[in-house]
Amino acid sequence: MSVMIQGSQLRNLRLGNAPVSSASGAFAADTRVIFTVTGGEVLVTGLWGVVTTAITVANTVALQTNPTTGDTKVFVEATDIGTNDTAAGTVVGFTPSIDDPATSGALTEHSIMLGGHLLRDLVVTTGDIEQVTTGTNPDGAITWYATWVPLTDGASLVAG
């Protein structure tokens, strides 16, 4: 039986452009650009990470958008991923946080979930996607991956 549509073609139909990867480098208590958006808006169709250096010290990681014009917005709340050791090779996914589901049911942010789901359908305008790490002596490293499609003609997403 012949294959009519290749795996890469299916991925592109479902998620957009091939994954862009961006290594965080060794963790420090700082804010680092992991992806940069230029030329307008993009739709991040998938975002996940892979731990490349074990995380063994208590620290938190958050992700935020920092547009050239507009407000910085945390979209993955600070999550402790070091109190319990996180081994190299662990997939970092996300789970939604619900802000008072009894009254609004509105999804506000996500938190990191080891082995979790892709973060999907995030609109980002010209500016940066940043990793914010806090802690006394954070250790470890993550390589982040993103798939995306342009919402504005000529917009693009690249490693930071």
N, C-alpha and C. Protein backbone atom coordinates (compact mmCIF):
# COMPACT_ATOMS: atom_id res chain seq x y z
N MET A 1 0.84 -1.17 0.00
CA MET A 1 0.00 0.00 0.00
C MET A 1 0.89 1.24 0.00
N SER A 2 0.62 2.16 -0.89
CA SER A 2 1.43 3.37 -0.96
C SER A 2 0.88 4.42 0.00
N VAL A 3 1.77 5.31 0.41
CA VAL A 3 1.40 6.40 1.31
C VAL A 3 1.15 7.64 0.45
N MET A 4 -0.06 8.16 0.50
CA MET A 4 -0.43 9.31 -0.32
C MET A 4 0.02 10.63 0.31
N ILE A 5 -0.10 10.72 1.65
CA ILE A 5 0.30 11.94 2.35
C ILE A 5 1.37 11.57 3.37
N GLN A 6 2.50 12.23 3.29
CA GLN A 6 3.62 11.97 4.18
C GLN A 6 3.36 12.55 5.58
N GLY A 7 4.06 12.03 6.59
CA GLY A 7 3.91 12.50 7.96
C GLY A 7 4.14 14.00 8.10
N SER A 8 5.16 14.52 7.43
CA SER A 8 5.46 15.96 7.53
C SER A 8 4.32 16.79 6.92
N GLN A 9 3.67 16.27 5.87
CA GLN A 9 2.55 16.98 5.26
C GLN A 9 1.34 17.01 6.21
N LEU A 10 1.10 15.89 6.88
CA LEU A 10 0.01 15.84 7.85
C LEU A 10 0.26 16.81 9.00
N ARG A 11 1.50 16.83 9.50
CA ARG A 11 1.86 17.75 10.58
C ARG A 11 1.64 19.19 10.15
N ASN A 12 2.07 19.53 8.94
CA ASN A 12 1.91 20.90 8.45
C ASN A 12 0.43 21.27 8.30
N LEU A 13 -0.40 20.33 7.86
CA LEU A 13 -1.83 20.60 7.76
C LEU A 13 -2.45 20.84 9.13
N ARG A 14 -2.02 20.08 10.11
CA ARG A 14 -2.62 20.15 11.46
C ARG A 14 -2.04 21.28 12.31
N LEU A 15 -0.71 21.47 12.25
CA LEU A 15 -0.04 22.38 13.18
C LEU A 15 0.63 23.59 12.52
N GLY A 16 0.76 23.58 11.22
CA GLY A 16 1.43 24.71 10.56
C GLY A 16 2.89 24.41 10.31
N ASN A 17 3.71 25.44 10.44
CA ASN A 17 5.14 25.32 10.14
C ASN A 17 5.82 24.31 11.05
N ALA A 18 6.88 23.70 10.51
CA ALA A 18 7.66 22.71 11.27
C ALA A 18 8.12 23.32 12.59
N PRO A 19 8.30 22.49 13.61
CA PRO A 19 8.69 23.04 14.92
C PRO A 19 9.98 23.84 14.87
N VAL A 20 9.94 24.99 15.53
CA VAL A 20 11.11 25.82 15.77
C VAL A 20 11.56 25.48 17.18
N SER A 21 12.86 25.26 17.39
CA SER A 21 13.34 24.93 18.73
C SER A 21 14.21 26.06 19.27
N SER A 22 14.16 26.22 20.60
CA SER A 22 14.94 27.25 21.26
C SER A 22 15.40 26.73 22.61
N ALA A 23 16.71 26.56 22.77
CA ALA A 23 17.25 26.08 24.04
C ALA A 23 17.28 27.20 25.07
N SER A 24 16.85 26.91 26.29
CA SER A 24 16.82 27.93 27.35
C SER A 24 18.21 28.27 27.84
N GLY A 25 19.16 27.36 27.65
CA GLY A 25 20.46 27.52 28.29
C GLY A 25 20.31 27.17 29.76
N ALA A 26 21.41 27.13 30.49
CA ALA A 26 21.36 26.78 31.92
C ALA A 26 20.47 27.77 32.65
N PHE A 27 19.56 27.25 33.46
CA PHE A 27 18.64 28.11 34.21
C PHE A 27 19.41 29.06 35.13
N ALA A 28 18.90 30.26 35.22
CA ALA A 28 19.32 31.27 36.19
C ALA A 28 18.06 32.02 36.57
N ALA A 29 18.08 32.73 37.66
CA ALA A 29 16.92 33.52 38.07
C ALA A 29 16.86 34.76 37.17
N ASP A 30 16.19 34.62 36.02
CA ASP A 30 16.13 35.71 35.06
C ASP A 30 14.97 35.52 34.08
N THR A 31 14.87 36.44 33.15
CA THR A 31 13.90 36.39 32.06
C THR A 31 14.68 36.27 30.77
N ARG A 32 14.32 35.27 29.93
CA ARG A 32 15.03 35.03 28.68
C ARG A 32 14.05 34.94 27.52
N VAL A 33 14.44 35.51 26.40
CA VAL A 33 13.65 35.39 25.18
C VAL A 33 13.84 33.98 24.63
N ILE A 34 12.72 33.28 24.40
CA ILE A 34 12.84 31.95 23.78
C ILE A 34 12.37 31.95 22.33
N PHE A 35 11.41 32.83 22.00
CA PHE A 35 10.97 32.98 20.61
C PHE A 35 10.72 34.46 20.34
N THR A 36 10.92 34.86 19.09
CA THR A 36 10.65 36.23 18.67
C THR A 36 9.68 36.20 17.49
N VAL A 37 8.67 37.06 17.57
CA VAL A 37 7.69 37.21 16.50
C VAL A 37 7.95 38.54 15.81
N THR A 38 7.99 38.52 14.48
CA THR A 38 8.18 39.74 13.70
C THR A 38 7.09 39.85 12.64
N GLY A 39 6.81 41.07 12.24
CA GLY A 39 5.94 41.30 11.09
C GLY A 39 4.45 41.21 11.34
N GLY A 40 4.01 41.14 12.59
CA GLY A 40 2.57 41.07 12.86
C GLY A 40 2.24 39.97 13.82
N GLU A 41 1.10 39.32 13.60
CA GLU A 41 0.62 38.29 14.52
C GLU A 41 0.81 36.89 13.96
N VAL A 42 1.11 35.96 14.87
CA VAL A 42 1.15 34.54 14.53
C VAL A 42 0.25 33.79 15.51
N LEU A 43 -0.22 32.65 15.07
CA LEU A 43 -0.97 31.74 15.93
C LEU A 43 -0.04 30.60 16.29
N VAL A 44 0.33 30.51 17.56
CA VAL A 44 1.14 29.39 18.03
C VAL A 44 0.19 28.20 18.14
N THR A 45 0.38 27.21 17.29
CA THR A 45 -0.52 26.06 17.24
C THR A 45 -0.07 24.94 18.16
N GLY A 46 1.17 24.97 18.60
CA GLY A 46 1.68 23.99 19.54
C GLY A 46 2.90 24.53 20.26
N LEU A 47 2.98 24.33 21.56
CA LEU A 47 4.14 24.75 22.36
C LEU A 47 4.38 23.69 23.42
N TRP A 48 5.62 23.21 23.51
CA TRP A 48 6.00 22.22 24.51
C TRP A 48 7.50 22.32 24.74
N GLY A 49 7.99 21.63 25.75
CA GLY A 49 9.41 21.64 26.04
C GLY A 49 9.91 20.24 26.33
N VAL A 50 11.22 20.09 26.29
CA VAL A 50 11.89 18.85 26.68
C VAL A 50 13.04 19.24 27.59
N VAL A 51 13.08 18.67 28.79
CA VAL A 51 14.16 18.95 29.74
C VAL A 51 15.45 18.36 29.17
N THR A 52 16.48 19.20 29.01
CA THR A 52 17.75 18.75 28.45
C THR A 52 18.82 18.57 29.51
N THR A 53 18.69 19.25 30.64
CA THR A 53 19.56 19.08 31.80
C THR A 53 18.66 18.94 33.01
N ALA A 54 18.87 17.89 33.80
CA ALA A 54 17.99 17.61 34.95
C ALA A 54 17.79 18.85 35.82
N ILE A 55 16.56 18.99 36.31
CA ILE A 55 16.20 20.10 37.20
C ILE A 55 16.07 19.51 38.59
N THR A 56 16.98 19.89 39.50
CA THR A 56 17.05 19.24 40.81
C THR A 56 16.93 20.20 41.99
N VAL A 57 16.75 21.47 41.71
CA VAL A 57 16.67 22.49 42.77
C VAL A 57 15.32 23.18 42.65
N ALA A 58 14.72 23.51 43.79
CA ALA A 58 13.44 24.21 43.78
C ALA A 58 13.55 25.51 43.00
N ASN A 59 12.73 25.64 41.97
CA ASN A 59 12.63 26.87 41.20
C ASN A 59 11.31 26.85 40.45
N THR A 60 10.89 28.00 39.98
CA THR A 60 9.66 28.06 39.20
C THR A 60 9.96 28.58 37.82
N VAL A 61 9.12 28.15 36.86
CA VAL A 61 9.24 28.60 35.48
C VAL A 61 7.86 29.11 35.05
N ALA A 62 7.85 30.26 34.41
CA ALA A 62 6.63 30.83 33.82
C ALA A 62 6.96 31.22 32.39
N LEU A 63 5.92 31.34 31.56
CA LEU A 63 6.09 31.82 30.19
C LEU A 63 5.19 33.03 30.00
N GLN A 64 5.69 34.01 29.25
CA GLN A 64 4.91 35.23 29.03
C GLN A 64 5.16 35.76 27.63
N THR A 65 4.20 36.55 27.15
CA THR A 65 4.41 37.29 25.91
C THR A 65 4.81 38.71 26.29
N ASN A 66 5.74 39.26 25.55
CA ASN A 66 6.20 40.63 25.78
C ASN A 66 6.19 41.36 24.44
N PRO A 67 5.03 41.93 24.07
CA PRO A 67 4.92 42.56 22.75
C PRO A 67 5.71 43.86 22.67
N THR A 68 6.09 44.22 21.45
CA THR A 68 6.77 45.49 21.24
C THR A 68 5.88 46.65 21.67
N THR A 69 4.58 46.55 21.37
CA THR A 69 3.59 47.54 21.79
C THR A 69 2.48 46.79 22.53
N GLY A 70 2.18 47.21 23.74
CA GLY A 70 1.13 46.55 24.52
C GLY A 70 1.67 46.01 25.82
N ASP A 71 0.82 45.29 26.52
CA ASP A 71 1.15 44.79 27.85
C ASP A 71 1.78 43.40 27.81
N THR A 72 2.73 43.15 28.71
CA THR A 72 3.28 41.82 28.92
C THR A 72 2.21 40.98 29.60
N LYS A 73 2.01 39.75 29.13
CA LYS A 73 0.97 38.88 29.68
C LYS A 73 1.54 37.49 29.97
N VAL A 74 1.42 37.07 31.22
CA VAL A 74 1.81 35.71 31.60
C VAL A 74 0.74 34.76 31.06
N PHE A 75 1.15 33.75 30.29
CA PHE A 75 0.18 32.77 29.81
C PHE A 75 0.43 31.38 30.37
N VAL A 76 1.57 31.18 31.00
CA VAL A 76 1.83 29.96 31.78
C VAL A 76 2.31 30.43 33.14
N GLU A 77 1.49 30.22 34.16
CA GLU A 77 1.81 30.72 35.49
C GLU A 77 3.04 30.02 36.05
N ALA A 78 3.72 30.69 36.98
CA ALA A 78 4.93 30.16 37.60
C ALA A 78 4.62 28.81 38.25
N THR A 79 5.36 27.81 37.84
CA THR A 79 5.14 26.44 38.31
C THR A 79 6.44 25.86 38.83
N ASP A 80 6.41 25.26 40.01
CA ASP A 80 7.60 24.63 40.59
C ASP A 80 7.88 23.32 39.87
N ILE A 81 9.02 23.24 39.22
CA ILE A 81 9.39 21.99 38.54
C ILE A 81 10.72 21.44 39.04
N GLY A 82 11.18 21.92 40.21
CA GLY A 82 12.47 21.45 40.69
C GLY A 82 12.46 20.83 42.07
N THR A 83 11.41 21.08 42.88
CA THR A 83 11.40 20.50 44.23
C THR A 83 11.49 18.99 44.15
N ASN A 84 10.70 18.39 43.27
CA ASN A 84 10.86 16.97 42.95
C ASN A 84 11.66 16.93 41.66
N ASP A 85 12.78 16.22 41.68
CA ASP A 85 13.68 16.21 40.53
C ASP A 85 12.94 15.92 39.23
N THR A 86 13.31 16.65 38.18
CA THR A 86 12.77 16.44 36.84
C THR A 86 13.93 16.00 35.96
N ALA A 87 13.86 14.77 35.48
CA ALA A 87 14.97 14.16 34.75
C ALA A 87 15.08 14.71 33.33
N ALA A 88 16.30 14.69 32.81
CA ALA A 88 16.52 15.02 31.40
C ALA A 88 15.68 14.08 30.55
N GLY A 89 15.10 14.60 29.48
CA GLY A 89 14.26 13.81 28.61
C GLY A 89 12.77 13.92 28.92
N THR A 90 12.42 14.53 30.07
CA THR A 90 11.02 14.69 30.44
C THR A 90 10.37 15.73 29.54
N VAL A 91 9.19 15.39 29.01
CA VAL A 91 8.42 16.32 28.19
C VAL A 91 7.68 17.28 29.11
N VAL A 92 7.74 18.57 28.79
CA VAL A 92 7.05 19.60 29.55
C VAL A 92 5.84 20.04 28.74
N GLY A 93 4.66 19.80 29.30
CA GLY A 93 3.42 20.21 28.66
C GLY A 93 2.68 21.16 29.57
N PHE A 94 1.41 21.37 29.32
CA PHE A 94 0.66 22.38 30.04
C PHE A 94 -0.75 21.89 30.34
N THR A 95 -1.32 22.41 31.39
CA THR A 95 -2.70 22.15 31.74
C THR A 95 -3.36 23.50 32.03
N PRO A 96 -4.60 23.70 31.59
CA PRO A 96 -5.23 25.00 31.85
C PRO A 96 -5.55 25.19 33.32
N SER A 97 -5.48 26.44 33.76
CA SER A 97 -5.92 26.83 35.09
C SER A 97 -7.26 27.53 34.91
N ILE A 98 -8.21 27.24 35.75
CA ILE A 98 -9.53 27.84 35.62
C ILE A 98 -9.73 28.86 36.72
N ASP A 99 -10.08 30.08 36.32
CA ASP A 99 -10.31 31.16 37.26
C ASP A 99 -11.77 31.16 37.68
N ASP A 100 -12.03 30.69 38.89
CA ASP A 100 -13.37 30.65 39.45
C ASP A 100 -14.40 30.06 38.50
N PRO A 101 -14.32 28.75 38.24
CA PRO A 101 -15.22 28.13 37.28
C PRO A 101 -16.69 28.22 37.68
N ALA A 102 -16.97 28.41 38.96
CA ALA A 102 -18.37 28.50 39.40
C ALA A 102 -19.05 29.75 38.87
N THR A 103 -18.26 30.82 38.66
CA THR A 103 -18.88 32.06 38.21
C THR A 103 -18.59 32.37 36.74
N SER A 104 -17.40 32.07 36.29
CA SER A 104 -17.09 32.46 34.91
C SER A 104 -16.71 31.29 34.02
N GLY A 105 -16.03 30.29 34.59
CA GLY A 105 -15.55 29.19 33.78
C GLY A 105 -14.47 29.61 32.81
N ALA A 106 -13.97 30.84 32.95
CA ALA A 106 -13.00 31.36 32.00
C ALA A 106 -11.62 30.77 32.24
N LEU A 107 -10.99 30.33 31.16
CA LEU A 107 -9.61 29.87 31.25
C LEU A 107 -8.73 31.11 31.26
N THR A 108 -7.84 31.21 32.22
CA THR A 108 -6.99 32.39 32.29
C THR A 108 -5.57 32.06 31.91
N GLU A 109 -4.94 31.16 32.60
CA GLU A 109 -3.55 30.83 32.34
C GLU A 109 -3.42 29.31 32.30
N HIS A 110 -2.22 28.87 32.03
CA HIS A 110 -1.89 27.45 32.07
C HIS A 110 -0.81 27.27 33.11
N SER A 111 -0.64 26.06 33.57
CA SER A 111 0.51 25.74 34.41
C SER A 111 1.25 24.59 33.77
N ILE A 112 2.51 24.47 34.13
CA ILE A 112 3.34 23.41 33.56
C ILE A 112 2.91 22.08 34.14
N MET A 113 2.89 21.08 33.29
CA MET A 113 2.52 19.73 33.68
C MET A 113 3.53 18.80 33.02
N LEU A 114 4.27 18.07 33.80
CA LEU A 114 5.27 17.18 33.23
C LEU A 114 4.55 16.09 32.46
N GLY A 115 4.90 15.95 31.19
CA GLY A 115 4.24 14.98 30.33
C GLY A 115 2.86 15.42 29.90
N GLY A 116 2.56 16.71 29.99
CA GLY A 116 1.22 17.22 29.72
C GLY A 116 0.92 17.42 28.25
N HIS A 117 0.02 18.33 27.98
CA HIS A 117 -0.51 18.57 26.66
C HIS A 117 0.19 19.76 26.00
N LEU A 118 0.07 19.81 24.66
CA LEU A 118 0.52 20.99 23.93
C LEU A 118 -0.27 22.20 24.40
N LEU A 119 0.37 23.34 24.48
CA LEU A 119 -0.36 24.58 24.64
C LEU A 119 -0.73 24.99 23.23
N ARG A 120 -2.00 25.25 22.96
CA ARG A 120 -2.47 25.48 21.60
C ARG A 120 -3.19 26.81 21.48
N ASP A 121 -3.19 27.31 20.25
CA ASP A 121 -4.01 28.45 19.84
C ASP A 121 -3.74 29.71 20.65
N LEU A 122 -2.47 30.09 20.72
CA LEU A 122 -2.04 31.30 21.39
C LEU A 122 -1.69 32.34 20.33
N VAL A 123 -2.37 33.48 20.33
CA VAL A 123 -2.07 34.56 19.39
C VAL A 123 -0.98 35.43 20.01
N VAL A 124 0.10 35.63 19.24
CA VAL A 124 1.22 36.45 19.71
C VAL A 124 1.51 37.49 18.64
N THR A 125 1.66 38.73 19.07
CA THR A 125 1.97 39.81 18.14
C THR A 125 3.47 40.12 18.17
N THR A 126 3.91 41.01 17.32
CA THR A 126 5.32 41.36 17.23
C THR A 126 5.91 41.60 18.63
N GLY A 127 6.95 40.88 18.93
CA GLY A 127 7.60 40.94 20.24
C GLY A 127 8.18 39.59 20.59
N ASP A 128 8.22 39.28 21.86
CA ASP A 128 8.91 38.07 22.32
C ASP A 128 8.01 37.16 23.15
N ILE A 129 8.34 35.88 23.13
CA ILE A 129 7.83 34.90 24.10
C ILE A 129 9.01 34.63 25.03
N GLU A 130 8.77 34.80 26.32
CA GLU A 130 9.87 34.74 27.29
C GLU A 130 9.66 33.65 28.34
N GLN A 131 10.77 33.11 28.82
CA GLN A 131 10.80 32.18 29.95
C GLN A 131 11.26 32.98 31.16
N VAL A 132 10.50 32.89 32.26
CA VAL A 132 10.85 33.58 33.50
C VAL A 132 11.14 32.51 34.54
N THR A 133 12.37 32.47 35.03
CA THR A 133 12.77 31.48 36.03
C THR A 133 13.10 32.20 37.33
N THR A 134 12.57 31.67 38.44
CA THR A 134 12.88 32.23 39.75
C THR A 134 13.38 31.13 40.66
N GLY A 135 14.10 31.52 41.67
CA GLY A 135 14.64 30.57 42.64
C GLY A 135 15.99 31.07 43.11
N THR A 136 16.48 30.48 44.21
CA THR A 136 17.75 30.92 44.77
C THR A 136 18.92 30.51 43.89
N ASN A 137 19.01 29.24 43.55
CA ASN A 137 20.08 28.73 42.68
C ASN A 137 19.49 27.75 41.68
N PRO A 138 18.65 28.23 40.74
CA PRO A 138 18.01 27.29 39.83
C PRO A 138 19.02 26.52 39.00
N ASP A 139 18.66 25.29 38.67
CA ASP A 139 19.51 24.49 37.79
C ASP A 139 18.63 23.84 36.74
N GLY A 140 19.27 23.25 35.73
CA GLY A 140 18.54 22.56 34.67
C GLY A 140 18.44 23.41 33.42
N ALA A 141 17.82 22.82 32.39
CA ALA A 141 17.61 23.51 31.12
C ALA A 141 16.50 22.81 30.36
N ILE A 142 15.80 23.58 29.54
CA ILE A 142 14.71 23.07 28.71
C ILE A 142 14.92 23.56 27.29
N THR A 143 14.66 22.71 26.31
CA THR A 143 14.55 23.16 24.93
C THR A 143 13.06 23.27 24.64
N TRP A 144 12.63 24.46 24.21
CA TRP A 144 11.24 24.74 23.89
C TRP A 144 11.01 24.55 22.40
N TYR A 145 9.82 24.08 22.03
CA TYR A 145 9.44 23.86 20.64
C TYR A 145 8.12 24.56 20.38
N ALA A 146 7.98 25.16 19.20
CA ALA A 146 6.73 25.81 18.82
C ALA A 146 6.43 25.54 17.35
N THR A 147 5.17 25.26 17.06
CA THR A 147 4.66 25.24 15.70
C THR A 147 3.74 26.44 15.57
N TRP A 148 3.59 26.97 14.37
CA TRP A 148 2.86 28.22 14.23
C TRP A 148 2.41 28.44 12.80
N VAL A 149 1.46 29.35 12.64
CA VAL A 149 1.04 29.83 11.33
C VAL A 149 0.93 31.36 11.40
N PRO A 150 1.24 32.06 10.30
CA PRO A 150 1.11 33.51 10.32
C PRO A 150 -0.36 33.91 10.26
N LEU A 151 -0.74 34.89 11.06
CA LEU A 151 -2.08 35.48 10.95
C LEU A 151 -2.03 36.76 10.14
N THR A 152 -0.85 37.39 10.11
CA THR A 152 -0.60 38.57 9.30
C THR A 152 0.35 38.15 8.19
N ASP A 153 0.05 38.52 6.94
CA ASP A 153 0.96 38.18 5.84
C ASP A 153 2.36 38.69 6.16
N GLY A 154 3.35 37.83 6.06
CA GLY A 154 4.74 38.20 6.31
C GLY A 154 5.19 38.03 7.75
N ALA A 155 4.29 37.70 8.66
CA ALA A 155 4.67 37.49 10.07
C ALA A 155 5.44 36.17 10.19
N SER A 156 6.36 36.11 11.16
CA SER A 156 7.12 34.89 11.39
C SER A 156 7.49 34.74 12.85
N LEU A 157 7.86 33.52 13.21
CA LEU A 157 8.32 33.18 14.57
C LEU A 157 9.65 32.47 14.41
N VAL A 158 10.65 32.93 15.18
CA VAL A 158 11.98 32.33 15.15
C VAL A 158 12.46 32.12 16.59
N ALA A 159 13.50 31.28 16.74
CA ALA A 159 14.12 31.08 18.05
C ALA A 159 14.69 32.41 18.52
N GLY A 160 14.58 32.66 19.86
CA GLY A 160 15.01 33.94 20.43
C GLY A 160 16.47 34.12 20.54
